[in-house]
Amino acid sequence: MVFVACNPLMADYVDKDSLGKASALQNMGALIGDCFAMAFLITITSELSHENAFYITAILIASLVLPFFFIIKEPIIHHKELKKEL
């Protein structure tokens, strides 16, 4: 669980005032994903072969994750505004 909860890039990409919230959201996502895997995926794929169970799980996870590549964007930092604040 420590590997899932530790994200060294979080300090680089998240504002320092929001690190607690970002960490909580990350841990909630991991917890929901684990519960989803235990409750839903295992019951659906328990009677299938290992290969078919892997295919179904991979397709389902890819269909849930791929939209985030288009939703998440890098923040735009205006350098002129930052120089004025300094």
PDB file of N, CA and C in Angstrom:
ATOM      1  N   MET A   1       0.826  -1.194   0.000  1.00  0.00           N
ATOM      2  CA  MET A   1       0.000   0.000   0.000  1.00  0.00           C
ATOM      3  C   MET A   1       0.869   1.256   0.000  1.00  0.00           C
ATOM      4  N   VAL A   2       2.079   1.165   0.523  1.00  0.00           N
ATOM      5  CA  VAL A   2       2.950   2.333   0.556  1.00  0.00           C
ATOM      6  C   VAL A   2       3.336   2.748  -0.854  1.00  0.00           C
ATOM      7  N   PHE A   3       3.553   1.783  -1.732  1.00  0.00           N
ATOM      8  CA  PHE A   3       3.916   2.095  -3.115  1.00  0.00           C
ATOM      9  C   PHE A   3       2.809   2.888  -3.801  1.00  0.00           C
ATOM     10  N   VAL A   4       1.569   2.540  -3.547  1.00  0.00           N
ATOM     11  CA  VAL A   4       0.437   3.243  -4.164  1.00  0.00           C
ATOM     12  C   VAL A   4       0.296   4.639  -3.582  1.00  0.00           C
ATOM     13  N   ALA A   5       0.527   4.794  -2.287  1.00  0.00           N
ATOM     14  CA  ALA A   5       0.313   6.084  -1.620  1.00  0.00           C
ATOM     15  C   ALA A   5       1.452   7.068  -1.865  1.00  0.00           C
ATOM     16  N   CYS A   6       2.623   6.606  -2.206  1.00  0.00           N
ATOM     17  CA  CYS A   6       3.767   7.491  -2.421  1.00  0.00           C
ATOM     18  C   CYS A   6       3.843   7.908  -3.878  1.00  0.00           C
ATOM     19  N   ASN A   7       3.748   9.194  -4.110  1.00  0.00           N
ATOM     20  CA  ASN A   7       3.845   9.720  -5.463  1.00  0.00           C
ATOM     21  C   ASN A   7       4.796  10.905  -5.432  1.00  0.00           C
ATOM     22  N   PRO A   8       6.049  10.725  -5.834  1.00  0.00           N
ATOM     23  CA  PRO A   8       7.015  11.829  -5.752  1.00  0.00           C
ATOM     24  C   PRO A   8       6.704  12.978  -6.697  1.00  0.00           C
ATOM     25  N   LEU A   9       5.945  12.744  -7.762  1.00  0.00           N
ATOM     26  CA  LEU A   9       5.617  13.821  -8.693  1.00  0.00           C
ATOM     27  C   LEU A   9       4.504  14.725  -8.177  1.00  0.00           C
ATOM     28  N   MET A  10       3.818  14.310  -7.139  1.00  0.00           N
ATOM     29  CA  MET A  10       2.729  15.116  -6.612  1.00  0.00           C
ATOM     30  C   MET A  10       3.241  16.463  -6.106  1.00  0.00           C
ATOM     31  N   ALA A  11       4.401  16.493  -5.500  1.00  0.00           N
ATOM     32  CA  ALA A  11       4.956  17.750  -4.999  1.00  0.00           C
ATOM     33  C   ALA A  11       5.313  18.701  -6.139  1.00  0.00           C
ATOM     34  N   ASP A  12       5.596  18.166  -7.318  1.00  0.00           N
ATOM     35  CA  ASP A  12       5.935  19.008  -8.468  1.00  0.00           C
ATOM     36  C   ASP A  12       4.707  19.555  -9.175  1.00  0.00           C
ATOM     37  N   TYR A  13       3.637  18.799  -9.217  1.00  0.00           N
ATOM     38  CA  TYR A  13       2.487  19.161 -10.037  1.00  0.00           C
ATOM     39  C   TYR A  13       1.308  19.728  -9.258  1.00  0.00           C
ATOM     40  N   VAL A  14       1.301  19.609  -7.946  1.00  0.00           N
ATOM     41  CA  VAL A  14       0.172  20.065  -7.148  1.00  0.00           C
ATOM     42  C   VAL A  14       0.618  21.254  -6.300  1.00  0.00           C
ATOM     43  N   ASP A  15      -0.264  22.244  -6.203  1.00  0.00           N
ATOM     44  CA  ASP A  15       0.015  23.420  -5.382  1.00  0.00           C
ATOM     45  C   ASP A  15       0.248  22.986  -3.932  1.00  0.00           C
ATOM     46  N   LYS A  16       1.148  23.647  -3.259  1.00  0.00           N
ATOM     47  CA  LYS A  16       1.519  23.247  -1.900  1.00  0.00           C
ATOM     48  C   LYS A  16       0.347  23.320  -0.927  1.00  0.00           C
ATOM     49  N   ASP A  17      -0.607  24.208  -1.176  1.00  0.00           N
ATOM     50  CA  ASP A  17      -1.772  24.308  -0.305  1.00  0.00           C
ATOM     51  C   ASP A  17      -2.750  23.156  -0.504  1.00  0.00           C
ATOM     52  N   SER A  18      -2.643  22.443  -1.612  1.00  0.00           N
ATOM     53  CA  SER A  18      -3.593  21.380  -1.942  1.00  0.00           C
ATOM     54  C   SER A  18      -2.976  19.985  -1.894  1.00  0.00           C
ATOM     55  N   LEU A  19      -1.791  19.830  -1.337  1.00  0.00           N
ATOM     56  CA  LEU A  19      -1.135  18.518  -1.316  1.00  0.00           C
ATOM     57  C   LEU A  19      -1.931  17.497  -0.508  1.00  0.00           C
ATOM     58  N   GLY A  20      -2.523  17.920   0.595  1.00  0.00           N
ATOM     59  CA  GLY A  20      -3.316  17.003   1.417  1.00  0.00           C
ATOM     60  C   GLY A  20      -4.534  16.486   0.672  1.00  0.00           C
ATOM     61  N   LYS A  21      -5.225  17.399  -0.004  1.00  0.00           N
ATOM     62  CA  LYS A  21      -6.404  16.994  -0.769  1.00  0.00           C
ATOM     63  C   LYS A  21      -6.019  16.075  -1.924  1.00  0.00           C
ATOM     64  N   ALA A  22      -4.925  16.396  -2.601  1.00  0.00           N
ATOM     65  CA  ALA A  22      -4.488  15.564  -3.721  1.00  0.00           C
ATOM     66  C   ALA A  22      -4.082  14.173  -3.240  1.00  0.00           C
ATOM     67  N   SER A  23      -3.423  14.100  -2.119  1.00  0.00           N
ATOM     68  CA  SER A  23      -3.035  12.808  -1.567  1.00  0.00           C
ATOM     69  C   SER A  23      -4.261  11.999  -1.158  1.00  0.00           C
ATOM     70  N   ALA A  24      -5.228  12.680  -0.552  1.00  0.00           N
ATOM     71  CA  ALA A  24      -6.460  11.992  -0.158  1.00  0.00           C
ATOM     72  C   ALA A  24      -7.214  11.476  -1.386  1.00  0.00           C
ATOM     73  N   LEU A  25      -7.293  12.275  -2.443  1.00  0.00           N
ATOM     74  CA  LEU A  25      -7.970  11.840  -3.659  1.00  0.00           C
ATOM     75  C   LEU A  25      -7.260  10.659  -4.308  1.00  0.00           C
ATOM     76  N   GLN A  26      -5.934  10.687  -4.288  1.00  0.00           N
ATOM     77  CA  GLN A  26      -5.174   9.581  -4.855  1.00  0.00           C
ATOM     78  C   GLN A  26      -5.430   8.296  -4.063  1.00  0.00           C
ATOM     79  N   ASN A  27      -5.426   8.388  -2.742  1.00  0.00           N
ATOM     80  CA  ASN A  27      -5.663   7.200  -1.922  1.00  0.00           C
ATOM     81  C   ASN A  27      -7.101   6.712  -2.053  1.00  0.00           C
ATOM     82  N   MET A  28      -8.059   7.628  -2.188  1.00  0.00           N
ATOM     83  CA  MET A  28      -9.446   7.219  -2.391  1.00  0.00           C
ATOM     84  C   MET A  28      -9.597   6.500  -3.731  1.00  0.00           C
ATOM     85  N   GLY A  29      -8.912   6.991  -4.768  1.00  0.00           N
ATOM     86  CA  GLY A  29      -8.955   6.322  -6.063  1.00  0.00           C
ATOM     87  C   GLY A  29      -8.383   4.925  -6.000  1.00  0.00           C
ATOM     88  N   ALA A  30      -7.289   4.760  -5.277  1.00  0.00           N
ATOM     89  CA  ALA A  30      -6.699   3.428  -5.126  1.00  0.00           C
ATOM     90  C   ALA A  30      -7.638   2.503  -4.349  1.00  0.00           C
ATOM     91  N   LEU A  31      -8.269   3.021  -3.319  1.00  0.00           N
ATOM     92  CA  LEU A  31      -9.198   2.215  -2.523  1.00  0.00           C
ATOM     93  C   LEU A  31     -10.425   1.818  -3.336  1.00  0.00           C
ATOM     94  N   ILE A  32     -10.989   2.758  -4.083  1.00  0.00           N
ATOM     95  CA  ILE A  32     -12.148   2.450  -4.920  1.00  0.00           C
ATOM     96  C   ILE A  32     -11.768   1.450  -6.007  1.00  0.00           C
ATOM     97  N   GLY A  33     -10.590   1.609  -6.593  1.00  0.00           N
ATOM     98  CA  GLY A  33     -10.129   0.659  -7.604  1.00  0.00           C
ATOM     99  C   GLY A  33      -9.950  -0.736  -7.045  1.00  0.00           C
ATOM    100  N   ASP A  34      -9.407  -0.847  -5.842  1.00  0.00           N
ATOM    101  CA  ASP A  34      -9.248  -2.166  -5.224  1.00  0.00           C
ATOM    102  C   ASP A  34     -10.598  -2.801  -4.911  1.00  0.00           C
ATOM    103  N   CYS A  35     -11.524  -2.002  -4.388  1.00  0.00           N
ATOM    104  CA  CYS A  35     -12.861  -2.529  -4.097  1.00  0.00           C
ATOM    105  C   CYS A  35     -13.571  -2.948  -5.382  1.00  0.00           C
ATOM    106  N   PHE A  36     -13.414  -2.159  -6.439  1.00  0.00           N
ATOM    107  CA  PHE A  36     -14.003  -2.497  -7.735  1.00  0.00           C
ATOM    108  C   PHE A  36     -13.435  -3.808  -8.257  1.00  0.00           C
ATOM    109  N   ALA A  37     -12.134  -3.971  -8.119  1.00  0.00           N
ATOM    110  CA  ALA A  37     -11.497  -5.202  -8.596  1.00  0.00           C
ATOM    111  C   ALA A  37     -11.979  -6.407  -7.803  1.00  0.00           C
ATOM    112  N   MET A  38     -12.088  -6.272  -6.503  1.00  0.00           N
ATOM    113  CA  MET A  38     -12.499  -7.406  -5.679  1.00  0.00           C
ATOM    114  C   MET A  38     -13.974  -7.741  -5.855  1.00  0.00           C
ATOM    115  N   ALA A  39     -14.812  -6.728  -5.887  1.00  0.00           N
ATOM    116  CA  ALA A  39     -16.245  -6.986  -5.925  1.00  0.00           C
ATOM    117  C   ALA A  39     -16.763  -7.286  -7.327  1.00  0.00           C
ATOM    118  N   PHE A  40     -16.239  -6.624  -8.318  1.00  0.00           N
ATOM    119  CA  PHE A  40     -16.812  -6.712  -9.653  1.00  0.00           C
ATOM    120  C   PHE A  40     -16.015  -7.620 -10.586  1.00  0.00           C
ATOM    121  N   LEU A  41     -14.737  -7.335 -10.726  1.00  0.00           N
ATOM    122  CA  LEU A  41     -13.939  -8.072 -11.710  1.00  0.00           C
ATOM    123  C   LEU A  41     -13.753  -9.535 -11.348  1.00  0.00           C
ATOM    124  N   ILE A  42     -13.515  -9.813 -10.087  1.00  0.00           N
ATOM    125  CA  ILE A  42     -13.266 -11.206  -9.696  1.00  0.00           C
ATOM    126  C   ILE A  42     -14.529 -12.045  -9.848  1.00  0.00           C
ATOM    127  N   THR A  43     -15.693 -11.450  -9.528  1.00  0.00           N
ATOM    128  CA  THR A  43     -16.927 -12.225  -9.665  1.00  0.00           C
ATOM    129  C   THR A  43     -17.274 -12.479 -11.123  1.00  0.00           C
ATOM    130  N   ILE A  44     -16.975 -11.516 -11.997  1.00  0.00           N
ATOM    131  CA  ILE A  44     -17.277 -11.705 -13.418  1.00  0.00           C
ATOM    132  C   ILE A  44     -16.323 -12.707 -14.062  1.00  0.00           C
ATOM    133  N   THR A  45     -15.052 -12.609 -13.734  1.00  0.00           N
ATOM    134  CA  THR A  45     -14.046 -13.410 -14.427  1.00  0.00           C
ATOM    135  C   THR A  45     -13.660 -14.689 -13.679  1.00  0.00           C
ATOM    136  N   SER A  46     -14.370 -15.052 -12.644  1.00  0.00           N
ATOM    137  CA  SER A  46     -13.964 -16.232 -11.858  1.00  0.00           C
ATOM    138  C   SER A  46     -14.114 -17.534 -12.636  1.00  0.00           C
ATOM    139  N   GLU A  47     -15.076 -17.619 -13.533  1.00  0.00           N
ATOM    140  CA  GLU A  47     -15.296 -18.862 -14.261  1.00  0.00           C
ATOM    141  C   GLU A  47     -14.616 -18.888 -15.630  1.00  0.00           C
ATOM    142  N   LEU A  48     -13.936 -17.818 -15.992  1.00  0.00           N
ATOM    143  CA  LEU A  48     -13.263 -17.753 -17.290  1.00  0.00           C
ATOM    144  C   LEU A  48     -11.829 -18.273 -17.167  1.00  0.00           C
ATOM    145  N   SER A  49     -11.215 -18.512 -18.307  1.00  0.00           N
ATOM    146  CA  SER A  49      -9.802 -18.875 -18.286  1.00  0.00           C
ATOM    147  C   SER A  49      -8.981 -17.630 -17.904  1.00  0.00           C
ATOM    148  N   HIS A  50      -7.746 -17.854 -17.502  1.00  0.00           N
ATOM    149  CA  HIS A  50      -6.900 -16.738 -17.083  1.00  0.00           C
ATOM    150  C   HIS A  50      -6.681 -15.745 -18.218  1.00  0.00           C
ATOM    151  N   GLU A  51      -6.543 -16.252 -19.413  1.00  0.00           N
ATOM    152  CA  GLU A  51      -6.292 -15.386 -20.563  1.00  0.00           C
ATOM    153  C   GLU A  51      -7.503 -14.496 -20.864  1.00  0.00           C
ATOM    154  N   ASN A  52      -8.686 -15.083 -20.891  1.00  0.00           N
ATOM    155  CA  ASN A  52      -9.894 -14.292 -21.152  1.00  0.00           C
ATOM    156  C   ASN A  52     -10.187 -13.314 -20.019  1.00  0.00           C
ATOM    157  N   ALA A  53      -9.927 -13.719 -18.789  1.00  0.00           N
ATOM    158  CA  ALA A  53     -10.123 -12.822 -17.655  1.00  0.00           C
ATOM    159  C   ALA A  53      -9.192 -11.613 -17.759  1.00  0.00           C
ATOM    160  N   PHE A  54      -7.955 -11.855 -18.189  1.00  0.00           N
ATOM    161  CA  PHE A  54      -7.021 -10.750 -18.363  1.00  0.00           C
ATOM    162  C   PHE A  54      -7.484  -9.820 -19.462  1.00  0.00           C
ATOM    163  N   TYR A  55      -7.971 -10.358 -20.575  1.00  0.00           N
ATOM    164  CA  TYR A  55      -8.438  -9.526 -21.686  1.00  0.00           C
ATOM    165  C   TYR A  55      -9.608  -8.640 -21.264  1.00  0.00           C
ATOM    166  N   ILE A  56     -10.559  -9.214 -20.569  1.00  0.00           N
ATOM    167  CA  ILE A  56     -11.714  -8.428 -20.121  1.00  0.00           C
ATOM    168  C   ILE A  56     -11.285  -7.331 -19.163  1.00  0.00           C
ATOM    169  N   THR A  57     -10.416  -7.658 -18.230  1.00  0.00           N
ATOM    170  CA  THR A  57      -9.938  -6.663 -17.277  1.00  0.00           C
ATOM    171  C   THR A  57      -9.150  -5.570 -17.971  1.00  0.00           C
ATOM    172  N   ALA A  58      -8.289  -5.919 -18.896  1.00  0.00           N
ATOM    173  CA  ALA A  58      -7.476  -4.932 -19.603  1.00  0.00           C
ATOM    174  C   ALA A  58      -8.343  -3.996 -20.436  1.00  0.00           C
ATOM    175  N   ILE A  59      -9.333  -4.532 -21.128  1.00  0.00           N
ATOM    176  CA  ILE A  59     -10.218  -3.690 -21.938  1.00  0.00           C
ATOM    177  C   ILE A  59     -11.041  -2.754 -21.055  1.00  0.00           C
ATOM    178  N   LEU A  60     -11.531  -3.265 -19.949  1.00  0.00           N
ATOM    179  CA  LEU A  60     -12.329  -2.441 -19.039  1.00  0.00           C
ATOM    180  C   LEU A  60     -11.501  -1.321 -18.428  1.00  0.00           C
ATOM    181  N   ILE A  61     -10.307  -1.621 -17.976  1.00  0.00           N
ATOM    182  CA  ILE A  61      -9.455  -0.602 -17.363  1.00  0.00           C
ATOM    183  C   ILE A  61      -9.018   0.424 -18.400  1.00  0.00           C
ATOM    184  N   ALA A  62      -8.668  -0.020 -19.598  1.00  0.00           N
ATOM    185  CA  ALA A  62      -8.272   0.923 -20.647  1.00  0.00           C
ATOM    186  C   ALA A  62      -9.424   1.851 -21.012  1.00  0.00           C
ATOM    187  N   SER A  63     -10.644   1.324 -21.066  1.00  0.00           N
ATOM    188  CA  SER A  63     -11.783   2.181 -21.406  1.00  0.00           C
ATOM    189  C   SER A  63     -12.085   3.175 -20.293  1.00  0.00           C
ATOM    190  N   LEU A  64     -11.722   2.870 -19.060  1.00  0.00           N
ATOM    191  CA  LEU A  64     -11.930   3.815 -17.964  1.00  0.00           C
ATOM    192  C   LEU A  64     -10.822   4.852 -17.871  1.00  0.00           C
ATOM    193  N   VAL A  65      -9.609   4.499 -18.282  1.00  0.00           N
ATOM    194  CA  VAL A  65      -8.457   5.382 -18.111  1.00  0.00           C
ATOM    195  C   VAL A  65      -8.209   6.283 -19.320  1.00  0.00           C
ATOM    196  N   LEU A  66      -8.460   5.800 -20.513  1.00  0.00           N
ATOM    197  CA  LEU A  66      -8.146   6.565 -21.722  1.00  0.00           C
ATOM    198  C   LEU A  66      -8.778   7.961 -21.778  1.00  0.00           C
ATOM    199  N   PRO A  67      -9.995   8.172 -21.321  1.00  0.00           N
ATOM    200  CA  PRO A  67     -10.532   9.546 -21.355  1.00  0.00           C
ATOM    201  C   PRO A  67      -9.714  10.553 -20.542  1.00  0.00           C
ATOM    202  N   PHE A  68      -9.007  10.091 -19.520  1.00  0.00           N
ATOM    203  CA  PHE A  68      -8.217  11.015 -18.712  1.00  0.00           C
ATOM    204  C   PHE A  68      -7.045  11.609 -19.482  1.00  0.00           C
ATOM    205  N   PHE A  69      -6.577  10.938 -20.526  1.00  0.00           N
ATOM    206  CA  PHE A  69      -5.509  11.503 -21.344  1.00  0.00           C
ATOM    207  C   PHE A  69      -5.968  12.766 -22.063  1.00  0.00           C
ATOM    208  N   PHE A  70      -7.254  12.867 -22.312  1.00  0.00           N
ATOM    209  CA  PHE A  70      -7.791  14.032 -23.002  1.00  0.00           C
ATOM    210  C   PHE A  70      -8.341  15.081 -22.038  1.00  0.00           C
ATOM    211  N   ILE A  71      -8.639  14.681 -20.805  1.00  0.00           N
ATOM    212  CA  ILE A  71      -9.203  15.601 -19.830  1.00  0.00           C
ATOM    213  C   ILE A  71      -8.117  16.380 -19.089  1.00  0.00           C
ATOM    214  N   ILE A  72      -7.056  15.710 -18.681  1.00  0.00           N
ATOM    215  CA  ILE A  72      -6.007  16.329 -17.872  1.00  0.00           C
ATOM    216  C   ILE A  72      -5.077  17.128 -18.765  1.00  0.00           C
ATOM    217  N   LYS A  73      -4.823  18.373 -18.387  1.00  0.00           N
ATOM    218  CA  LYS A  73      -3.944  19.248 -19.160  1.00  0.00           C
ATOM    219  C   LYS A  73      -2.874  19.837 -18.252  1.00  0.00           C
ATOM    220  N   GLU A  74      -1.765  20.221 -18.854  1.00  0.00           N
ATOM    221  CA  GLU A  74      -0.722  20.917 -18.118  1.00  0.00           C
ATOM    222  C   GLU A  74      -1.203  22.328 -17.794  1.00  0.00           C
ATOM    223  N   PRO A  75      -0.878  22.841 -16.625  1.00  0.00           N
ATOM    224  CA  PRO A  75      -1.295  24.211 -16.312  1.00  0.00           C
ATOM    225  C   PRO A  75      -0.519  25.229 -17.152  1.00  0.00           C
ATOM    226  N   ILE A  76      -1.187  26.293 -17.511  1.00  0.00           N
ATOM    227  CA  ILE A  76      -0.544  27.376 -18.265  1.00  0.00           C
ATOM    228  C   ILE A  76      -0.083  28.421 -17.262  1.00  0.00           C
ATOM    229  N   ILE A  77       1.202  28.657 -17.225  1.00  0.00           N
ATOM    230  CA  ILE A  77       1.769  29.622 -16.288  1.00  0.00           C
ATOM    231  C   ILE A  77       2.140  30.867 -17.068  1.00  0.00           C
ATOM    232  N   HIS A  78       1.614  31.977 -16.629  1.00  0.00           N
ATOM    233  CA  HIS A  78       1.911  33.247 -17.274  1.00  0.00           C
ATOM    234  C   HIS A  78       3.128  33.858 -16.581  1.00  0.00           C
ATOM    235  N   HIS A  79       4.244  33.908 -17.277  1.00  0.00           N
ATOM    236  CA  HIS A  79       5.499  34.340 -16.671  1.00  0.00           C
ATOM    237  C   HIS A  79       5.483  35.821 -16.323  1.00  0.00           C
ATOM    238  N   LYS A  80       4.779  36.634 -17.078  1.00  0.00           N
ATOM    239  CA  LYS A  80       4.732  38.072 -16.772  1.00  0.00           C
ATOM    240  C   LYS A  80       4.032  38.312 -15.435  1.00  0.00           C
ATOM    241  N   GLU A  81       2.977  37.580 -15.182  1.00  0.00           N
ATOM    242  CA  GLU A  81       2.267  37.724 -13.914  1.00  0.00           C
ATOM    243  C   GLU A  81       3.117  37.251 -12.750  1.00  0.00           C
ATOM    244  N   LEU A  82       3.885  36.194 -12.957  1.00  0.00           N
ATOM    245  CA  LEU A  82       4.752  35.702 -11.891  1.00  0.00           C
ATOM    246  C   LEU A  82       5.856  36.693 -11.555  1.00  0.00           C
ATOM    247  N   LYS A  83       6.412  37.377 -12.567  1.00  0.00           N
ATOM    248  CA  LYS A  83       7.462  38.348 -12.308  1.00  0.00           C
ATOM    249  C   LYS A  83       6.918  39.544 -11.529  1.00  0.00           C
ATOM    250  N   LYS A  84       5.672  39.930 -11.804  1.00  0.00           N
ATOM    251  CA  LYS A  84       5.064  41.039 -11.066  1.00  0.00           C
ATOM    252  C   LYS A  84       4.833  40.695  -9.628  1.00  0.00           C
ATOM    253  N   GLU A  85       4.476  39.442  -9.344  1.00  0.00           N
ATOM    254  CA  GLU A  85       4.216  39.026  -7.968  1.00  0.00           C
ATOM    255  C   GLU A  85       5.494  38.949  -7.159  1.00  0.00           C
ATOM    256  N   LEU A  86       6.607  38.651  -7.796  1.00  0.00           N
ATOM    257  CA  LEU A  86       7.892  38.540  -7.089  1.00  0.00           C
ATOM    258  C   LEU A  86       8.363  39.910  -6.746  1.00  0.00           C
TER     259      LEU A  86
END
